[in-house]
Amino acid sequence: MKYLEKTGYTISYIPVSSSGIPDLDILKREISKETALITLTHVNNETGAIMPMSEISEIRNSMNAKTKIHLDCVQSLGKIPILLNEWNIDFASFSGHKIHGVKGIGMLYVRSGNRVAPLLIGGGQQRGLRSGTESPYLAASISLAIDKAYENMAVSYDNIFKCKQILLDKLVSLHATIHSPENSCPYIVNFTLGSIEPETLLHAMEQEDIYISTVSACASKTKKISHVLLAMGIERSIAKGAVRLSLSRFTTEEEIIMTCDALERISTKYGLGKEHNGK
C-alpha cells in the first residue's frame, strides 16, 4: 500500500472496532467510482478476527460493482469456509506452509475476466503471470496439503474449538487479557499475561517445549507493538505484552491441558495474582 501511494494511488485505511472488524459505514463512504481495489485479510493472523465478507461484498456491489476485492486467505485456508463465488471475490491469495505444506509455495486465485500485471517478467510461464521455471515438487506439496486440510475440516474445527475453550478458561482464571474476539477463528489465541514481558513468556514456554510467538511472524524481529492491537483500541501498556498461540488441526486436548499447566506454573513463578485484570 505504501508503495502504491508513492506511485500516485490514493489509499484509504479503514479503522476497525475493538473486535477487529472494519467500520462498515466508513468503508461504504470511502468507496467511490474511482476505487479500484479493496484488500482484506479474511482471518487476521494475530487475533483470528474474521471479516464479515457477505456484508463487505454487498457494500462493494451497491457502491461500485467494478471495484475489485482481494482477500488474503492465508490463515483461513483449510480451517473455515472460503466462499469465493458467493462473495464475488476477484483475487485471493493462499500459502502452503500454513496448512502443513512445504514452505515457499503459494497460490493466487484470479477470477475469470480480471487482468493482472506479472510480478516477475521474462519467459512468460504460467500464462505470463509469473515467469520462471515452475516447481512440480512445490505444486504437488500444496495440492496434497489442501486435500488433507479439507478431508475432515468440520471435525478439525470442532476439536480446535474445544481446545480453544479449554485454553481460554485457563487464561481467564489467570487474569490474562484476551485480545482475540469472541467469534474469532479458534486456531489463533492472542493474549497478555499480566506484566510478563512477551519475550520472557516466550522463553519460559520454550523450556516447557511449547512454542508461541510475540507478534506475527512477518514482524517478529522488529519488536514493535502490534499495530493490529493498537488499531483495536487496546492500551499500549497491555498490547506490548501480547503473545500469540497458534493451534493446528493436529493439536490435541491433551496438549492444550499441558499448555494450560505450563501457563499456571509460569504465572505462579512470576507472582501474577488477582491484581491483574483481564476480560
Protein backbone atom coordinates (compact mmCIF):
# COMPACT_ATOMS: atom_id res chain seq x y z
CA MET A 1 0.00 0.00 0.00
CA LYS A 2 2.83 2.37 0.84
CA TYR A 3 4.48 1.56 -2.47
CA LEU A 4 1.28 2.29 -4.38
CA GLU A 5 0.94 5.61 -2.56
CA LYS A 6 4.39 6.57 -3.83
CA THR A 7 3.32 5.78 -7.39
CA GLY A 8 0.29 8.08 -7.21
CA TYR A 9 -2.52 5.93 -5.89
CA THR A 10 -4.78 7.24 -3.11
CA ILE A 11 -5.07 4.73 -0.27
CA SER A 12 -7.82 4.76 2.36
CA TYR A 13 -7.24 2.82 5.56
CA ILE A 14 -10.47 1.71 7.23
CA PRO A 15 -10.45 1.80 11.06
CA VAL A 16 -11.59 -1.26 12.99
CA SER A 17 -13.68 -1.87 16.07
CA SER A 18 -12.48 -3.45 19.32
CA SER A 19 -13.31 -6.81 17.72
CA GLY A 20 -11.02 -6.13 14.75
CA ILE A 21 -13.86 -5.72 12.24
CA PRO A 22 -13.70 -2.80 9.77
CA ASP A 23 -16.11 0.09 10.30
CA LEU A 24 -18.54 -0.76 7.51
CA ASP A 25 -20.10 2.71 7.47
CA ILE A 26 -16.70 4.25 6.77
CA LEU A 27 -15.93 1.56 4.18
CA LYS A 28 -19.17 2.41 2.40
CA ARG A 29 -18.36 6.11 2.49
CA GLU A 30 -14.84 5.60 1.14
CA ILE A 31 -15.85 3.61 -1.96
CA SER A 32 -16.19 5.90 -4.96
CA LYS A 33 -16.42 5.49 -8.71
CA GLU A 34 -12.60 5.66 -8.79
CA THR A 35 -11.99 2.94 -6.19
CA ALA A 36 -10.00 0.20 -7.90
CA LEU A 37 -9.43 -2.32 -5.14
CA ILE A 38 -10.46 -3.37 -1.64
CA THR A 39 -7.92 -5.64 0.03
CA LEU A 40 -8.63 -7.50 3.25
CA THR A 41 -7.29 -10.30 5.43
CA HIS A 42 -10.02 -12.93 5.79
CA VAL A 43 -8.73 -14.15 9.17
CA ASN A 44 -6.40 -11.79 10.97
CA ASN A 45 -3.08 -13.51 11.54
CA GLU A 46 -2.59 -12.03 15.02
CA THR A 47 -6.04 -12.17 16.61
CA GLY A 48 -8.08 -14.56 14.48
CA ALA A 49 -10.72 -11.89 13.77
CA ILE A 50 -12.90 -12.96 10.82
CA MET A 51 -14.01 -10.41 8.25
CA PRO A 52 -17.79 -10.21 7.56
CA MET A 53 -17.34 -10.93 3.88
CA SER A 54 -21.01 -11.17 2.92
CA GLU A 55 -21.64 -7.65 4.23
CA ILE A 56 -18.46 -6.26 2.69
CA SER A 57 -19.29 -7.80 -0.66
CA GLU A 58 -22.80 -6.32 -0.55
CA ILE A 59 -21.37 -2.88 0.21
CA ARG A 60 -18.97 -3.15 -2.73
CA ASN A 61 -21.75 -4.30 -5.05
CA SER A 62 -24.02 -1.44 -4.03
CA MET A 63 -21.42 1.33 -4.16
CA ASN A 64 -19.25 0.32 -7.12
CA ALA A 65 -19.60 -3.15 -8.62
CA LYS A 66 -16.46 -2.55 -10.71
CA THR A 67 -14.27 -2.29 -7.61
CA LYS A 68 -12.21 -5.46 -7.20
CA ILE A 69 -11.84 -7.34 -3.92
CA HIS A 70 -8.64 -9.10 -2.94
CA LEU A 71 -8.82 -11.46 0.02
CA ASP A 72 -5.79 -12.75 1.91
CA CYS A 73 -6.86 -16.28 2.85
CA VAL A 74 -3.57 -17.49 4.26
CA GLN A 75 -4.99 -18.06 7.76
CA SER A 76 -8.41 -19.33 6.70
CA LEU A 77 -7.43 -21.94 4.10
CA GLY A 78 -8.46 -25.39 5.31
CA LYS A 79 -9.82 -24.01 8.59
CA ILE A 80 -13.07 -22.18 7.84
CA PRO A 81 -15.22 -21.97 4.68
CA ILE A 82 -13.96 -19.68 1.90
CA LEU A 83 -16.88 -18.80 -0.39
CA LEU A 84 -15.14 -17.04 -3.26
CA ASN A 85 -18.07 -17.24 -5.67
CA GLU A 86 -20.73 -16.32 -3.13
CA TRP A 87 -18.72 -13.27 -2.00
CA ASN A 88 -17.78 -12.31 -5.59
CA ILE A 89 -14.09 -12.26 -4.76
CA ASP A 90 -11.82 -11.21 -7.64
CA PHE A 91 -8.45 -12.20 -6.19
CA ALA A 92 -7.47 -14.45 -3.28
CA SER A 93 -4.03 -15.41 -2.02
CA PHE A 94 -3.05 -18.60 -0.19
CA SER A 95 0.10 -20.05 1.35
CA GLY A 96 1.06 -23.71 1.63
CA HIS A 97 3.05 -23.75 4.85
CA LYS A 98 0.08 -22.64 6.97
CA ILE A 99 -1.64 -25.95 6.22
CA HIS A 100 1.49 -28.11 6.67
CA GLY A 101 2.73 -27.88 3.10
CA VAL A 102 6.32 -27.08 2.15
CA LYS A 103 7.49 -23.51 2.68
CA GLY A 104 7.92 -21.46 -0.47
CA ILE A 105 4.73 -22.23 -2.38
CA GLY A 106 1.55 -20.17 -2.59
CA MET A 107 -1.40 -19.60 -4.89
CA LEU A 108 -3.19 -16.62 -6.36
CA TYR A 109 -6.82 -17.06 -7.35
CA VAL A 110 -7.82 -14.75 -10.20
CA ARG A 111 -11.47 -14.63 -11.22
CA SER A 112 -12.00 -15.01 -14.94
CA GLY A 113 -12.04 -11.66 -16.72
CA ASN A 114 -9.56 -9.93 -14.42
CA ARG A 115 -6.15 -8.85 -15.65
CA VAL A 116 -3.03 -8.96 -13.51
CA ALA A 117 0.36 -7.41 -14.14
CA PRO A 118 3.07 -10.04 -13.61
CA LEU A 119 5.22 -9.86 -10.51
CA LEU A 120 8.14 -11.38 -12.44
CA ILE A 121 8.59 -10.90 -16.18
CA GLY A 122 10.71 -12.91 -18.55
CA GLY A 123 9.89 -16.28 -20.11
CA GLY A 124 6.13 -15.91 -19.85
CA GLN A 125 5.49 -19.03 -17.80
CA GLN A 126 2.13 -19.54 -16.03
CA ARG A 127 0.24 -17.68 -18.75
CA GLY A 128 2.50 -14.66 -18.37
CA LEU A 129 1.57 -14.09 -14.71
CA ARG A 130 4.84 -15.29 -13.18
CA SER A 131 7.92 -16.05 -15.21
CA GLY A 132 10.40 -18.67 -14.08
CA THR A 133 10.66 -22.43 -14.05
CA GLU A 134 7.83 -23.96 -12.05
CA SER A 135 8.47 -26.45 -9.25
CA PRO A 136 6.30 -29.58 -9.60
CA TYR A 137 7.53 -30.62 -6.16
CA LEU A 138 6.18 -27.47 -4.51
CA ALA A 139 2.97 -27.52 -6.53
CA ALA A 140 2.32 -31.13 -5.51
CA SER A 141 3.03 -30.18 -1.90
CA ILE A 142 0.35 -27.51 -1.70
CA SER A 143 -2.11 -29.67 -3.64
CA LEU A 144 -1.70 -32.54 -1.20
CA ALA A 145 -1.81 -30.18 1.79
CA ILE A 146 -5.13 -28.72 0.60
CA ASP A 147 -6.62 -32.19 0.08
CA LYS A 148 -5.59 -33.23 3.59
CA ALA A 149 -6.79 -29.98 5.19
CA TYR A 150 -10.24 -30.31 3.65
CA GLU A 151 -10.70 -34.03 4.33
CA ASN A 152 -12.10 -33.51 7.83
CA MET A 153 -12.23 -29.71 8.12
CA ALA A 154 -15.50 -29.62 10.09
CA VAL A 155 -14.31 -32.27 12.55
CA SER A 156 -11.00 -30.46 12.98
CA TYR A 157 -12.79 -27.18 13.60
CA ASP A 158 -14.94 -28.70 16.35
CA ASN A 159 -11.89 -30.22 18.01
CA ILE A 160 -9.90 -26.99 17.91
CA PHE A 161 -12.92 -25.02 19.15
CA LYS A 162 -12.99 -27.25 22.24
CA CYS A 163 -9.24 -26.83 22.68
CA LYS A 164 -9.55 -23.07 22.46
CA GLN A 165 -12.28 -23.02 25.11
CA ILE A 166 -10.08 -25.01 27.50
CA LEU A 167 -7.25 -22.55 26.88
CA LEU A 168 -9.49 -19.51 27.31
CA ASP A 169 -10.89 -20.84 30.59
CA LYS A 170 -7.36 -21.18 31.94
CA LEU A 171 -6.34 -17.72 30.72
CA VAL A 172 -9.40 -16.19 32.39
CA SER A 173 -8.51 -17.95 35.65
CA LEU A 174 -5.00 -16.47 35.37
CA HIS A 175 -6.49 -12.98 34.86
CA ALA A 176 -4.98 -12.70 31.38
CA THR A 177 -6.26 -10.08 28.97
CA ILE A 178 -7.60 -11.86 25.88
CA HIS A 179 -7.36 -9.94 22.61
CA SER A 180 -8.92 -12.45 20.21
CA PRO A 181 -12.57 -11.53 19.57
CA GLU A 182 -15.29 -13.80 20.91
CA ASN A 183 -16.25 -15.13 17.46
CA SER A 184 -12.74 -15.31 16.08
CA CYS A 185 -11.18 -18.25 14.28
CA PRO A 186 -10.33 -20.80 17.02
CA TYR A 187 -6.92 -21.56 15.55
CA ILE A 188 -5.43 -18.31 16.93
CA VAL A 189 -5.46 -17.01 20.51
CA ASN A 190 -3.88 -13.64 21.34
CA PHE A 191 -3.45 -12.59 24.96
CA THR A 192 -1.41 -10.66 27.50
CA LEU A 193 -0.47 -12.49 30.69
CA GLY A 194 -0.20 -9.83 33.37
CA SER A 195 3.07 -7.93 33.46
CA ILE A 196 5.21 -10.72 32.00
CA GLU A 197 7.28 -9.44 29.09
CA PRO A 198 6.40 -11.32 25.89
CA GLU A 199 9.99 -12.46 25.30
CA THR A 200 10.14 -13.73 28.89
CA LEU A 201 6.94 -15.72 28.43
CA LEU A 202 8.11 -17.00 25.06
CA HIS A 203 11.38 -18.35 26.51
CA ALA A 204 9.64 -19.74 29.61
CA MET A 205 7.26 -21.66 27.37
CA GLU A 206 10.20 -22.89 25.28
CA GLN A 207 11.56 -24.51 28.44
CA GLU A 208 8.29 -26.45 28.52
CA ASP A 209 8.72 -27.48 24.85
CA ILE A 210 5.82 -25.20 23.89
CA TYR A 211 6.42 -22.60 21.20
CA ILE A 212 4.44 -19.39 20.86
CA SER A 213 5.16 -16.06 19.19
CA THR A 214 5.14 -12.44 20.26
CA VAL A 215 3.52 -10.90 17.16
CA SER A 216 3.03 -12.02 13.57
CA ALA A 217 6.00 -13.87 12.12
CA CYS A 218 6.24 -11.19 9.43
CA ALA A 219 7.16 -8.59 12.08
CA SER A 220 8.68 -10.74 14.82
CA LYS A 221 12.14 -9.16 14.54
CA THR A 222 11.03 -5.54 14.74
CA LYS A 223 9.99 -5.69 18.43
CA LYS A 224 7.31 -3.11 17.74
CA ILE A 225 3.97 -3.06 19.49
CA SER A 226 1.36 -4.77 17.32
CA HIS A 227 -0.35 -2.25 15.05
CA VAL A 228 -3.28 -4.67 14.91
CA LEU A 229 -3.92 -4.45 18.65
CA LEU A 230 -3.40 -0.70 18.71
CA ALA A 231 -5.91 -0.31 15.88
CA MET A 232 -8.39 -2.26 18.01
CA GLY A 233 -8.01 0.36 20.74
CA ILE A 234 -6.01 -1.78 23.16
CA GLU A 235 -3.82 0.25 25.51
CA ARG A 236 -0.14 0.30 24.57
CA SER A 237 0.88 -0.89 28.04
CA ILE A 238 -1.20 -4.03 27.52
CA ALA A 239 -0.59 -4.50 23.80
CA LYS A 240 3.19 -4.50 24.29
CA GLY A 241 2.90 -7.69 26.34
CA ALA A 242 0.77 -9.60 23.85
CA VAL A 243 1.65 -13.07 22.61
CA ARG A 244 0.03 -15.30 20.03
CA LEU A 245 -0.65 -19.00 20.43
CA SER A 246 -1.44 -20.84 17.20
CA LEU A 247 -3.21 -24.19 17.00
CA SER A 248 -3.42 -26.66 14.13
CA ARG A 249 -5.72 -29.50 13.19
CA PHE A 250 -3.19 -31.83 14.83
CA THR A 251 -3.46 -30.09 18.21
CA THR A 252 -5.00 -32.33 20.89
CA GLU A 253 -6.84 -31.58 24.13
CA GLU A 254 -4.01 -33.29 25.99
CA GLU A 255 -1.52 -30.82 24.50
CA ILE A 256 -3.75 -27.89 25.43
CA ILE A 257 -4.04 -29.14 29.01
CA MET A 258 -0.24 -29.39 29.13
CA THR A 259 -0.07 -25.81 27.82
CA CYS A 260 -2.51 -24.65 30.50
CA ASP A 261 -0.44 -26.35 33.20
CA ALA A 262 2.69 -24.64 31.88
CA LEU A 263 0.98 -21.24 31.91
CA GLU A 264 -0.12 -21.91 35.50
CA ARG A 265 3.44 -22.71 36.58
CA ILE A 266 4.88 -19.68 34.82
CA SER A 267 2.19 -17.43 36.26
CA THR A 268 2.97 -18.69 39.77
CA LYS A 269 6.69 -18.28 39.21
CA TYR A 270 6.28 -14.63 38.29
CA GLY A 271 3.83 -13.92 41.08
CA LEU A 272 0.82 -13.00 38.99
CA GLY A 273 -2.33 -12.64 41.05
CA LYS A 274 -5.70 -11.02 41.22
CA GLU A 275 -4.26 -7.56 40.82
CA HIS A 276 -4.10 -8.21 37.06
CA ASN A 277 -7.41 -7.50 35.42
CA GLY A 278 -8.47 -9.42 32.35
CA LYS A 279 -11.56 -9.88 30.26
